[in-house]
Amino acid sequence: MIAMRPIREYDVIDLLNNGRFEGEVEGYVVMDGPKYLGHMLYRVDGAVTQVLECGVEEKMFVDGAVRACVAAGENAGATSFRVNGEDEKLAEWKNVFFPEAQGDVPNSSIFHICE
């Protein structure tokens, strides 16, 4: 079973971040049972979740990992998100799902209430 587990140990986040991203960085570890599949780094800056890095190798897990970061940001009060276009996997994800998007994308574009 695939699981997105929040990283609670800030020394682990610091190791993954390696000083590249400023501010309070948070993260997820993506697991398949005991098997490590990768990690995600993000931060919530006011009303925007910034997905900073995708360390997930398998493309089929990238969408779920991005959505986990955006959901965590939404739970913290963010209403929109953006992905780091310098990260190859995140840029590809954005080009697949939001090729025309400029700037921040509303959370409602990936999470909406079924009626």
PDB file of N, CA and C in Angstrom:
ATOM      1  N   MET A   1       0.831  -1.172   0.000  1.00  0.00           N
ATOM      2  CA  MET A   1       0.000   0.000   0.000  1.00  0.00           C
ATOM      3  C   MET A   1       0.885   1.249   0.000  1.00  0.00           C
ATOM      4  N   ILE A   2       0.577   2.180  -0.869  1.00  0.00           N
ATOM      5  CA  ILE A   2       1.329   3.428  -0.961  1.00  0.00           C
ATOM      6  C   ILE A   2       0.877   4.358   0.159  1.00  0.00           C
ATOM      7  N   ALA A   3       1.842   4.965   0.835  1.00  0.00           N
ATOM      8  CA  ALA A   3       1.534   5.896   1.924  1.00  0.00           C
ATOM      9  C   ALA A   3       2.394   7.141   1.789  1.00  0.00           C
ATOM     10  N   MET A   4       1.777   8.281   2.053  1.00  0.00           N
ATOM     11  CA  MET A   4       2.481   9.565   2.124  1.00  0.00           C
ATOM     12  C   MET A   4       2.581   9.891   3.608  1.00  0.00           C
ATOM     13  N   ARG A   5       3.771   9.821   4.147  1.00  0.00           N
ATOM     14  CA  ARG A   5       3.954  10.036   5.586  1.00  0.00           C
ATOM     15  C   ARG A   5       4.660  11.361   5.834  1.00  0.00           C
ATOM     16  N   PRO A   6       4.060  12.223   6.663  1.00  0.00           N
ATOM     17  CA  PRO A   6       4.726  13.495   6.954  1.00  0.00           C
ATOM     18  C   PRO A   6       6.044  13.267   7.672  1.00  0.00           C
ATOM     19  N   ILE A   7       7.028  14.057   7.319  1.00  0.00           N
ATOM     20  CA  ILE A   7       8.328  13.983   7.987  1.00  0.00           C
ATOM     21  C   ILE A   7       8.237  14.859   9.227  1.00  0.00           C
ATOM     22  N   ARG A   8       8.358  14.252  10.386  1.00  0.00           N
ATOM     23  CA  ARG A   8       8.238  14.972  11.655  1.00  0.00           C
ATOM     24  C   ARG A   8       9.598  15.333  12.247  1.00  0.00           C
ATOM     25  N   GLU A   9      10.655  14.713  11.748  1.00  0.00           N
ATOM     26  CA  GLU A   9      12.003  14.975  12.255  1.00  0.00           C
ATOM     27  C   GLU A   9      12.631  16.076  11.407  1.00  0.00           C
ATOM     28  N   TYR A  10      12.806  17.242  12.003  1.00  0.00           N
ATOM     29  CA  TYR A  10      13.298  18.385  11.237  1.00  0.00           C
ATOM     30  C   TYR A  10      14.745  18.225  10.801  1.00  0.00           C
ATOM     31  N   ASP A  11      15.509  17.370  11.481  1.00  0.00           N
ATOM     32  CA  ASP A  11      16.874  17.120  11.014  1.00  0.00           C
ATOM     33  C   ASP A  11      16.856  16.371   9.685  1.00  0.00           C
ATOM     34  N   VAL A  12      15.839  15.527   9.469  1.00  0.00           N
ATOM     35  CA  VAL A  12      15.696  14.823   8.187  1.00  0.00           C
ATOM     36  C   VAL A  12      15.340  15.830   7.093  1.00  0.00           C
ATOM     37  N   ILE A  13      14.416  16.733   7.394  1.00  0.00           N
ATOM     38  CA  ILE A  13      14.060  17.772   6.417  1.00  0.00           C
ATOM     39  C   ILE A  13      15.281  18.619   6.088  1.00  0.00           C
ATOM     40  N   ASP A  14      16.052  18.972   7.110  1.00  0.00           N
ATOM     41  CA  ASP A  14      17.265  19.767   6.874  1.00  0.00           C
ATOM     42  C   ASP A  14      18.254  19.031   5.973  1.00  0.00           C
ATOM     43  N   LEU A  15      18.387  17.719   6.159  1.00  0.00           N
ATOM     44  CA  LEU A  15      19.285  16.931   5.304  1.00  0.00           C
ATOM     45  C   LEU A  15      18.791  16.915   3.859  1.00  0.00           C
ATOM     46  N   LEU A  16      17.484  16.713   3.678  1.00  0.00           N
ATOM     47  CA  LEU A  16      16.920  16.687   2.330  1.00  0.00           C
ATOM     48  C   LEU A  16      16.991  18.064   1.674  1.00  0.00           C
ATOM     49  N   ASN A  17      16.723  19.091   2.447  1.00  0.00           N
ATOM     50  CA  ASN A  17      16.728  20.460   1.942  1.00  0.00           C
ATOM     51  C   ASN A  17      18.139  20.929   1.613  1.00  0.00           C
ATOM     52  N   ASN A  18      19.079  20.601   2.482  1.00  0.00           N
ATOM     53  CA  ASN A  18      20.488  20.958   2.288  1.00  0.00           C
ATOM     54  C   ASN A  18      20.681  22.461   2.034  1.00  0.00           C
ATOM     55  N   GLY A  19      19.858  23.275   2.716  1.00  0.00           N
ATOM     56  CA  GLY A  19      19.999  24.720   2.617  1.00  0.00           C
ATOM     57  C   GLY A  19      19.519  25.354   1.329  1.00  0.00           C
ATOM     58  N   ARG A  20      18.864  24.602   0.460  1.00  0.00           N
ATOM     59  CA  ARG A  20      18.443  25.134  -0.844  1.00  0.00           C
ATOM     60  C   ARG A  20      17.213  26.025  -0.771  1.00  0.00           C
ATOM     61  N   PHE A  21      16.290  25.695   0.138  1.00  0.00           N
ATOM     62  CA  PHE A  21      15.036  26.442   0.227  1.00  0.00           C
ATOM     63  C   PHE A  21      14.968  27.143   1.572  1.00  0.00           C
ATOM     64  N   GLU A  22      14.645  28.427   1.546  1.00  0.00           N
ATOM     65  CA  GLU A  22      14.574  29.214   2.775  1.00  0.00           C
ATOM     66  C   GLU A  22      13.195  29.086   3.407  1.00  0.00           C
ATOM     67  N   GLY A  23      13.120  29.463   4.675  1.00  0.00           N
ATOM     68  CA  GLY A  23      11.849  29.436   5.381  1.00  0.00           C
ATOM     69  C   GLY A  23      11.581  28.071   5.981  1.00  0.00           C
ATOM     70  N   GLU A  24      10.373  27.926   6.498  1.00  0.00           N
ATOM     71  CA  GLU A  24       9.984  26.681   7.153  1.00  0.00           C
ATOM     72  C   GLU A  24       9.568  25.654   6.103  1.00  0.00           C
ATOM     73  N   VAL A  25      10.414  24.683   5.865  1.00  0.00           N
ATOM     74  CA  VAL A  25      10.171  23.642   4.868  1.00  0.00           C
ATOM     75  C   VAL A  25       9.599  22.417   5.569  1.00  0.00           C
ATOM     76  N   GLU A  26       8.600  21.816   4.936  1.00  0.00           N
ATOM     77  CA  GLU A  26       7.997  20.591   5.444  1.00  0.00           C
ATOM     78  C   GLU A  26       8.149  19.520   4.375  1.00  0.00           C
ATOM     79  N   GLY A  27       7.809  18.284   4.726  1.00  0.00           N
ATOM     80  CA  GLY A  27       7.991  17.233   3.742  1.00  0.00           C
ATOM     81  C   GLY A  27       7.166  15.996   3.991  1.00  0.00           C
ATOM     82  N   TYR A  28       7.142  15.166   2.969  1.00  0.00           N
ATOM     83  CA  TYR A  28       6.519  13.849   3.015  1.00  0.00           C
ATOM     84  C   TYR A  28       7.530  12.821   2.537  1.00  0.00           C
ATOM     85  N   VAL A  29       7.434  11.633   3.109  1.00  0.00           N
ATOM     86  CA  VAL A  29       8.151  10.476   2.602  1.00  0.00           C
ATOM     87  C   VAL A  29       7.098   9.601   1.933  1.00  0.00           C
ATOM     88  N   VAL A  30       7.383   9.134   0.734  1.00  0.00           N
ATOM     89  CA  VAL A  30       6.468   8.279  -0.004  1.00  0.00           C
ATOM     90  C   VAL A  30       6.970   6.846   0.140  1.00  0.00           C
ATOM     91  N   MET A  31       6.098   5.984   0.656  1.00  0.00           N
ATOM     92  CA  MET A  31       6.473   4.600   0.959  1.00  0.00           C
ATOM     93  C   MET A  31       5.505   3.628   0.293  1.00  0.00           C
ATOM     94  N   ASP A  32       6.014   2.465  -0.065  1.00  0.00           N
ATOM     95  CA  ASP A  32       5.197   1.328  -0.486  1.00  0.00           C
ATOM     96  C   ASP A  32       5.485   0.239   0.525  1.00  0.00           C
ATOM     97  N   GLY A  33       4.654   0.170   1.573  1.00  0.00           N
ATOM     98  CA  GLY A  33       4.968  -0.711   2.696  1.00  0.00           C
ATOM     99  C   GLY A  33       6.280  -0.247   3.303  1.00  0.00           C
ATOM    100  N   PRO A  34       7.269  -1.141   3.407  1.00  0.00           N
ATOM    101  CA  PRO A  34       8.554  -0.737   3.979  1.00  0.00           C
ATOM    102  C   PRO A  34       9.517  -0.117   2.957  1.00  0.00           C
ATOM    103  N   LYS A  35       9.115  -0.107   1.677  1.00  0.00           N
ATOM    104  CA  LYS A  35      10.010   0.371   0.615  1.00  0.00           C
ATOM    105  C   LYS A  35       9.892   1.886   0.427  1.00  0.00           C
ATOM    106  N   TYR A  36      11.036   2.562   0.506  1.00  0.00           N
ATOM    107  CA  TYR A  36      11.113   4.010   0.299  1.00  0.00           C
ATOM    108  C   TYR A  36      11.018   4.312  -1.192  1.00  0.00           C
ATOM    109  N   LEU A  37      10.064   5.169  -1.572  1.00  0.00           N
ATOM    110  CA  LEU A  37       9.894   5.547  -2.972  1.00  0.00           C
ATOM    111  C   LEU A  37      10.382   6.958  -3.277  1.00  0.00           C
ATOM    112  N   GLY A  38      10.567   7.756  -2.240  1.00  0.00           N
ATOM    113  CA  GLY A  38      11.029   9.121  -2.468  1.00  0.00           C
ATOM    114  C   GLY A  38      10.483  10.072  -1.426  1.00  0.00           C
ATOM    115  N   HIS A  39      10.647  11.353  -1.702  1.00  0.00           N
ATOM    116  CA  HIS A  39      10.203  12.380  -0.758  1.00  0.00           C
ATOM    117  C   HIS A  39       9.685  13.590  -1.524  1.00  0.00           C
ATOM    118  N   MET A  40       8.985  14.434  -0.804  1.00  0.00           N
ATOM    119  CA  MET A  40       8.505  15.714  -1.315  1.00  0.00           C
ATOM    120  C   MET A  40       8.856  16.782  -0.300  1.00  0.00           C
ATOM    121  N   LEU A  41       9.221  17.959  -0.773  1.00  0.00           N
ATOM    122  CA  LEU A  41       9.437  19.104   0.104  1.00  0.00           C
ATOM    123  C   LEU A  41       8.489  20.215  -0.328  1.00  0.00           C
ATOM    124  N   TYR A  42       7.909  20.889   0.656  1.00  0.00           N
ATOM    125  CA  TYR A  42       6.989  21.989   0.381  1.00  0.00           C
ATOM    126  C   TYR A  42       7.021  22.971   1.540  1.00  0.00           C
ATOM    127  N   ARG A  43       6.421  24.123   1.327  1.00  0.00           N
ATOM    128  CA  ARG A  43       6.245  25.083   2.419  1.00  0.00           C
ATOM    129  C   ARG A  43       4.927  25.806   2.191  1.00  0.00           C
ATOM    130  N   VAL A  44       4.347  26.241   3.287  1.00  0.00           N
ATOM    131  CA  VAL A  44       3.126  27.030   3.228  1.00  0.00           C
ATOM    132  C   VAL A  44       3.523  28.470   3.523  1.00  0.00           C
ATOM    133  N   ASP A  45       3.254  29.339   2.571  1.00  0.00           N
ATOM    134  CA  ASP A  45       3.592  30.755   2.697  1.00  0.00           C
ATOM    135  C   ASP A  45       2.290  31.546   2.591  1.00  0.00           C
ATOM    136  N   GLY A  46       1.695  31.845   3.737  1.00  0.00           N
ATOM    137  CA  GLY A  46       0.410  32.541   3.746  1.00  0.00           C
ATOM    138  C   GLY A  46      -0.669  31.664   3.154  1.00  0.00           C
ATOM    139  N   ALA A  47      -1.284  32.129   2.083  1.00  0.00           N
ATOM    140  CA  ALA A  47      -2.380  31.394   1.457  1.00  0.00           C
ATOM    141  C   ALA A  47      -1.910  30.493   0.319  1.00  0.00           C
ATOM    142  N   VAL A  48      -0.595  30.324   0.172  1.00  0.00           N
ATOM    143  CA  VAL A  48      -0.056  29.556  -0.959  1.00  0.00           C
ATOM    144  C   VAL A  48       0.834  28.418  -0.467  1.00  0.00           C
ATOM    145  N   THR A  49       0.574  27.221  -0.981  1.00  0.00           N
ATOM    146  CA  THR A  49       1.474  26.091  -0.763  1.00  0.00           C
ATOM    147  C   THR A  49       2.476  26.087  -1.907  1.00  0.00           C
ATOM    148  N   GLN A  50       3.739  26.103  -1.578  1.00  0.00           N
ATOM    149  CA  GLN A  50       4.791  26.041  -2.586  1.00  0.00           C
ATOM    150  C   GLN A  50       5.384  24.634  -2.563  1.00  0.00           C
ATOM    151  N   VAL A  51       5.128  23.860  -3.613  1.00  0.00           N
ATOM    152  CA  VAL A  51       5.708  22.522  -3.722  1.00  0.00           C
ATOM    153  C   VAL A  51       7.107  22.719  -4.302  1.00  0.00           C
ATOM    154  N   LEU A  52       8.110  22.420  -3.495  1.00  0.00           N
ATOM    155  CA  LEU A  52       9.488  22.802  -3.799  1.00  0.00           C
ATOM    156  C   LEU A  52      10.298  21.736  -4.524  1.00  0.00           C
ATOM    157  N   GLU A  53      10.126  20.476  -4.107  1.00  0.00           N
ATOM    158  CA  GLU A  53      10.974  19.421  -4.673  1.00  0.00           C
ATOM    159  C   GLU A  53      10.230  18.099  -4.708  1.00  0.00           C
ATOM    160  N   CYS A  54      10.437  17.381  -5.805  1.00  0.00           N
ATOM    161  CA  CYS A  54       9.893  16.032  -5.944  1.00  0.00           C
ATOM    162  C   CYS A  54      11.061  15.060  -6.042  1.00  0.00           C
ATOM    163  N   GLY A  55      11.240  14.282  -4.990  1.00  0.00           N
ATOM    164  CA  GLY A  55      12.275  13.258  -4.978  1.00  0.00           C
ATOM    165  C   GLY A  55      11.700  11.875  -5.207  1.00  0.00           C
ATOM    166  N   VAL A  56      10.538  11.814  -5.851  1.00  0.00           N
ATOM    167  CA  VAL A  56       9.876  10.547  -6.167  1.00  0.00           C
ATOM    168  C   VAL A  56      10.290  10.157  -7.581  1.00  0.00           C
ATOM    169  N   GLU A  57      10.893   8.991  -7.731  1.00  0.00           N
ATOM    170  CA  GLU A  57      11.406   8.571  -9.035  1.00  0.00           C
ATOM    171  C   GLU A  57      10.312   8.069  -9.975  1.00  0.00           C
ATOM    172  N   GLU A  58       9.362   7.310  -9.455  1.00  0.00           N
ATOM    173  CA  GLU A  58       8.312   6.711 -10.291  1.00  0.00           C
ATOM    174  C   GLU A  58       7.263   7.759 -10.642  1.00  0.00           C
ATOM    175  N   LYS A  59       7.095   8.029 -11.931  1.00  0.00           N
ATOM    176  CA  LYS A  59       6.162   9.062 -12.376  1.00  0.00           C
ATOM    177  C   LYS A  59       4.733   8.813 -11.899  1.00  0.00           C
ATOM    178  N   MET A  60       4.346   7.551 -11.787  1.00  0.00           N
ATOM    179  CA  MET A  60       2.958   7.265 -11.422  1.00  0.00           C
ATOM    180  C   MET A  60       2.615   7.695 -10.001  1.00  0.00           C
ATOM    181  N   PHE A  61       3.612   8.003  -9.177  1.00  0.00           N
ATOM    182  CA  PHE A  61       3.349   8.432  -7.806  1.00  0.00           C
ATOM    183  C   PHE A  61       3.467   9.941  -7.626  1.00  0.00           C
ATOM    184  N   VAL A  62       3.909  10.646  -8.628  1.00  0.00           N
ATOM    185  CA  VAL A  62       4.142  12.086  -8.492  1.00  0.00           C
ATOM    186  C   VAL A  62       2.835  12.837  -8.248  1.00  0.00           C
ATOM    187  N   ASP A  63       1.773  12.511  -8.978  1.00  0.00           N
ATOM    188  CA  ASP A  63       0.506  13.221  -8.813  1.00  0.00           C
ATOM    189  C   ASP A  63       0.000  13.120  -7.375  1.00  0.00           C
ATOM    190  N   GLY A  64      -0.022  11.923  -6.831  1.00  0.00           N
ATOM    191  CA  GLY A  64      -0.480  11.746  -5.452  1.00  0.00           C
ATOM    192  C   GLY A  64       0.394  12.477  -4.456  1.00  0.00           C
ATOM    193  N   ALA A  65       1.691  12.512  -4.719  1.00  0.00           N
ATOM    194  CA  ALA A  65       2.620  13.188  -3.814  1.00  0.00           C
ATOM    195  C   ALA A  65       2.411  14.701  -3.850  1.00  0.00           C
ATOM    196  N   VAL A  66       2.195  15.259  -5.036  1.00  0.00           N
ATOM    197  CA  VAL A  66       1.909  16.696  -5.138  1.00  0.00           C
ATOM    198  C   VAL A  66       0.608  17.012  -4.417  1.00  0.00           C
ATOM    199  N   ARG A  67      -0.415  16.198  -4.648  1.00  0.00           N
ATOM    200  CA  ARG A  67      -1.716  16.425  -4.009  1.00  0.00           C
ATOM    201  C   ARG A  67      -1.621  16.330  -2.489  1.00  0.00           C
ATOM    202  N   ALA A  68      -0.768  15.447  -1.978  1.00  0.00           N
ATOM    203  CA  ALA A  68      -0.579  15.351  -0.523  1.00  0.00           C
ATOM    204  C   ALA A  68      -0.018  16.657   0.024  1.00  0.00           C
ATOM    205  N   CYS A  69       0.937  17.238  -0.670  1.00  0.00           N
ATOM    206  CA  CYS A  69       1.513  18.519  -0.239  1.00  0.00           C
ATOM    207  C   CYS A  69       0.468  19.630  -0.284  1.00  0.00           C
ATOM    208  N   VAL A  70      -0.296  19.673  -1.365  1.00  0.00           N
ATOM    209  CA  VAL A  70      -1.323  20.711  -1.502  1.00  0.00           C
ATOM    210  C   VAL A  70      -2.393  20.540  -0.427  1.00  0.00           C
ATOM    211  N   ALA A  71      -2.784  19.306  -0.140  1.00  0.00           N
ATOM    212  CA  ALA A  71      -3.781  19.054   0.908  1.00  0.00           C
ATOM    213  C   ALA A  71      -3.262  19.485   2.274  1.00  0.00           C
ATOM    214  N   ALA A  72      -1.998  19.209   2.556  1.00  0.00           N
ATOM    215  CA  ALA A  72      -1.414  19.642   3.831  1.00  0.00           C
ATOM    216  C   ALA A  72      -1.431  21.160   3.922  1.00  0.00           C
ATOM    217  N   GLY A  73      -1.115  21.819   2.826  1.00  0.00           N
ATOM    218  CA  GLY A  73      -1.164  23.277   2.805  1.00  0.00           C
ATOM    219  C   GLY A  73      -2.573  23.803   3.004  1.00  0.00           C
ATOM    220  N   GLU A  74      -3.527  23.150   2.367  1.00  0.00           N
ATOM    221  CA  GLU A  74      -4.923  23.558   2.533  1.00  0.00           C
ATOM    222  C   GLU A  74      -5.358  23.400   3.990  1.00  0.00           C
ATOM    223  N   ASN A  75      -4.937  22.317   4.619  1.00  0.00           N
ATOM    224  CA  ASN A  75      -5.254  22.119   6.037  1.00  0.00           C
ATOM    225  C   ASN A  75      -4.636  23.203   6.911  1.00  0.00           C
ATOM    226  N   ALA A  76      -3.555  23.820   6.439  1.00  0.00           N
ATOM    227  CA  ALA A  76      -2.894  24.906   7.176  1.00  0.00           C
ATOM    228  C   ALA A  76      -3.431  26.280   6.767  1.00  0.00           C
ATOM    229  N   GLY A  77      -4.433  26.311   5.886  1.00  0.00           N
ATOM    230  CA  GLY A  77      -5.065  27.570   5.507  1.00  0.00           C
ATOM    231  C   GLY A  77      -4.774  28.070   4.111  1.00  0.00           C
ATOM    232  N   ALA A  78      -3.949  27.375   3.346  1.00  0.00           N
ATOM    233  CA  ALA A  78      -3.638  27.814   1.980  1.00  0.00           C
ATOM    234  C   ALA A  78      -4.832  27.560   1.065  1.00  0.00           C
ATOM    235  N   THR A  79      -5.054  28.467   0.138  1.00  0.00           N
ATOM    236  CA  THR A  79      -6.161  28.337  -0.805  1.00  0.00           C
ATOM    237  C   THR A  79      -5.687  28.130  -2.240  1.00  0.00           C
ATOM    238  N   SER A  80      -4.377  28.214  -2.447  1.00  0.00           N
ATOM    239  CA  SER A  80      -3.816  27.987  -3.777  1.00  0.00           C
ATOM    240  C   SER A  80      -2.430  27.366  -3.630  1.00  0.00           C
ATOM    241  N   PHE A  81      -1.864  26.968  -4.774  1.00  0.00           N
ATOM    242  CA  PHE A  81      -0.543  26.343  -4.744  1.00  0.00           C
ATOM    243  C   PHE A  81       0.235  26.723  -5.988  1.00  0.00           C
ATOM    244  N   ARG A  82       1.532  26.474  -5.906  1.00  0.00           N
ATOM    245  CA  ARG A  82       2.399  26.587  -7.080  1.00  0.00           C
ATOM    246  C   ARG A  82       3.474  25.519  -6.953  1.00  0.00           C
ATOM    247  N   VAL A  83       3.998  25.092  -8.079  1.00  0.00           N
ATOM    248  CA  VAL A  83       5.082  24.112  -8.064  1.00  0.00           C
ATOM    249  C   VAL A  83       6.351  24.770  -8.583  1.00  0.00           C
ATOM    250  N   ASN A  84       7.460  24.272  -8.115  1.00  0.00           N
ATOM    251  CA  ASN A  84       8.772  24.783  -8.509  1.00  0.00           C
ATOM    252  C   ASN A  84       9.065  24.336  -9.941  1.00  0.00           C
ATOM    253  N   GLY A  85       9.037  25.275 -10.866  1.00  0.00           N
ATOM    254  CA  GLY A  85       9.275  24.961 -12.273  1.00  0.00           C
ATOM    255  C   GLY A  85      10.696  24.544 -12.585  1.00  0.00           C
ATOM    256  N   GLU A  86      11.611  24.748 -11.640  1.00  0.00           N
ATOM    257  CA  GLU A  86      12.998  24.325 -11.848  1.00  0.00           C
ATOM    258  C   GLU A  86      13.203  22.852 -11.521  1.00  0.00           C
ATOM    259  N   ASP A  87      12.230  22.247 -10.849  1.00  0.00           N
ATOM    260  CA  ASP A  87      12.280  20.813 -10.562  1.00  0.00           C
ATOM    261  C   ASP A  87      11.665  20.093 -11.761  1.00  0.00           C
ATOM    262  N   GLU A  88      12.431  19.236 -12.402  1.00  0.00           N
ATOM    263  CA  GLU A  88      12.001  18.597 -13.648  1.00  0.00           C
ATOM    264  C   GLU A  88      10.687  17.834 -13.500  1.00  0.00           C
ATOM    265  N   LYS A  89      10.551  17.054 -12.441  1.00  0.00           N
ATOM    266  CA  LYS A  89       9.334  16.253 -12.260  1.00  0.00           C
ATOM    267  C   LYS A  89       8.122  17.130 -11.977  1.00  0.00           C
ATOM    268  N   LEU A  90       8.317  18.185 -11.188  1.00  0.00           N
ATOM    269  CA  LEU A  90       7.208  19.095 -10.897  1.00  0.00           C
ATOM    270  C   LEU A  90       6.814  19.891 -12.136  1.00  0.00           C
ATOM    271  N   ALA A  91       7.782  20.299 -12.925  1.00  0.00           N
ATOM    272  CA  ALA A  91       7.483  21.023 -14.167  1.00  0.00           C
ATOM    273  C   ALA A  91       6.691  20.133 -15.120  1.00  0.00           C
ATOM    274  N   GLU A  92       7.071  18.869 -15.206  1.00  0.00           N
ATOM    275  CA  GLU A  92       6.338  17.938 -16.072  1.00  0.00           C
ATOM    276  C   GLU A  92       4.915  17.745 -15.564  1.00  0.00           C
ATOM    277  N   TRP A  93       4.757  17.593 -14.244  1.00  0.00           N
ATOM    278  CA  TRP A  93       3.418  17.441 -13.656  1.00  0.00           C
ATOM    279  C   TRP A  93       2.554  18.645 -14.017  1.00  0.00           C
ATOM    280  N   LYS A  94       3.091  19.846 -13.836  1.00  0.00           N
ATOM    281  CA  LYS A  94       2.336  21.066 -14.139  1.00  0.00           C
ATOM    282  C   LYS A  94       1.956  21.116 -15.614  1.00  0.00           C
ATOM    283  N   ASN A  95       2.868  20.742 -16.490  1.00  0.00           N
ATOM    284  CA  ASN A  95       2.577  20.777 -17.923  1.00  0.00           C
ATOM    285  C   ASN A  95       1.501  19.782 -18.323  1.00  0.00           C
ATOM    286  N   VAL A  96       1.376  18.689 -17.584  1.00  0.00           N
ATOM    287  CA  VAL A  96       0.328  17.709 -17.864  1.00  0.00           C
ATOM    288  C   VAL A  96      -1.021  18.206 -17.355  1.00  0.00           C
ATOM    289  N   PHE A  97      -1.067  18.687 -16.111  1.00  0.00           N
ATOM    290  CA  PHE A  97      -2.339  19.024 -15.481  1.00  0.00           C
ATOM    291  C   PHE A  97      -2.762  20.478 -15.666  1.00  0.00           C
ATOM    292  N   PHE A  98      -1.818  21.400 -15.748  1.00  0.00           N
ATOM    293  CA  PHE A  98      -2.134  22.828 -15.835  1.00  0.00           C
ATOM    294  C   PHE A  98      -1.222  23.530 -16.838  1.00  0.00           C
ATOM    295  N   PRO A  99      -1.278  23.131 -18.105  1.00  0.00           N
ATOM    296  CA  PRO A  99      -0.337  23.689 -19.083  1.00  0.00           C
ATOM    297  C   PRO A  99      -0.507  25.193 -19.310  1.00  0.00           C
ATOM    298  N   GLU A 100      -1.690  25.723 -19.095  1.00  0.00           N
ATOM    299  CA  GLU A 100      -1.951  27.138 -19.343  1.00  0.00           C
ATOM    300  C   GLU A 100      -1.807  27.997 -18.092  1.00  0.00           C
ATOM    301  N   ALA A 101      -1.628  27.382 -16.937  1.00  0.00           N
ATOM    302  CA  ALA A 101      -1.623  28.129 -15.671  1.00  0.00           C
ATOM    303  C   ALA A 101      -0.408  29.037 -15.565  1.00  0.00           C
ATOM    304  N   GLN A 102      -0.672  30.256 -15.156  1.00  0.00           N
ATOM    305  CA  GLN A 102       0.376  31.232 -14.869  1.00  0.00           C
ATOM    306  C   GLN A 102       0.224  31.622 -13.404  1.00  0.00           C
ATOM    307  N   GLY A 103       1.263  31.520 -12.630  1.00  0.00           N
ATOM    308  CA  GLY A 103       1.184  31.898 -11.219  1.00  0.00           C
ATOM    309  C   GLY A 103       0.516  30.832 -10.372  1.00  0.00           C
ATOM    310  N   ASP A 104      -0.157  31.283  -9.314  1.00  0.00           N
ATOM    311  CA  ASP A 104      -0.765  30.365  -8.358  1.00  0.00           C
ATOM    312  C   ASP A 104      -2.013  29.707  -8.940  1.00  0.00           C
ATOM    313  N   VAL A 105      -2.226  28.445  -8.571  1.00  0.00           N
ATOM    314  CA  VAL A 105      -3.369  27.669  -9.032  1.00  0.00           C
ATOM    315  C   VAL A 105      -4.298  27.459  -7.834  1.00  0.00           C
ATOM    316  N   PRO A 106      -5.590  27.739  -7.973  1.00  0.00           N
ATOM    317  CA  PRO A 106      -6.509  27.528  -6.849  1.00  0.00           C
ATOM    318  C   PRO A 106      -6.580  26.046  -6.466  1.00  0.00           C
ATOM    319  N   ASN A 107      -6.613  25.788  -5.163  1.00  0.00           N
ATOM    320  CA  ASN A 107      -6.744  24.402  -4.698  1.00  0.00           C
ATOM    321  C   ASN A 107      -7.990  23.744  -5.271  1.00  0.00           C
ATOM    322  N   SER A 108      -9.041  24.526  -5.472  1.00  0.00           N
ATOM    323  CA  SER A 108     -10.303  23.977  -5.973  1.00  0.00           C
ATOM    324  C   SER A 108     -10.153  23.355  -7.355  1.00  0.00           C
ATOM    325  N   SER A 109      -9.073  23.657  -8.060  1.00  0.00           N
ATOM    326  CA  SER A 109      -8.872  23.060  -9.382  1.00  0.00           C
ATOM    327  C   SER A 109      -8.464  21.592  -9.299  1.00  0.00           C
ATOM    328  N   ILE A 110      -7.964  21.154  -8.143  1.00  0.00           N
ATOM    329  CA  ILE A 110      -7.663  19.726  -7.984  1.00  0.00           C
ATOM    330  C   ILE A 110      -8.498  19.073  -6.890  1.00  0.00           C
ATOM    331  N   PHE A 111      -9.058  19.872  -5.991  1.00  0.00           N
ATOM    332  CA  PHE A 111      -9.949  19.360  -4.944  1.00  0.00           C
ATOM    333  C   PHE A 111     -11.261  20.123  -5.048  1.00  0.00           C
ATOM    334  N   HIS A 112     -12.325  19.426  -5.329  1.00  0.00           N
ATOM    335  CA  HIS A 112     -13.619  20.092  -5.329  1.00  0.00           C
ATOM    336  C   HIS A 112     -14.672  19.145  -4.770  1.00  0.00           C
ATOM    337  N   ILE A 113     -15.699  19.739  -4.242  1.00  0.00           N
ATOM    338  CA  ILE A 113     -16.751  18.971  -3.581  1.00  0.00           C
ATOM    339  C   ILE A 113     -17.687  18.398  -4.631  1.00  0.00           C
ATOM    340  N   CYS A 114     -17.939  17.105  -4.540  1.00  0.00           N
ATOM    341  CA  CYS A 114     -18.909  16.469  -5.429  1.00  0.00           C
ATOM    342  C   CYS A 114     -20.310  16.818  -4.935  1.00  0.00           C
ATOM    343  N   GLU A 115     -21.180  17.122  -5.859  1.00  0.00           N
ATOM    344  CA  GLU A 115     -22.554  17.468  -5.473  1.00  0.00           C
ATOM    345  C   GLU A 115     -23.503  16.397  -5.908  1.00  0.00           C
TER     346      GLU A 115
END
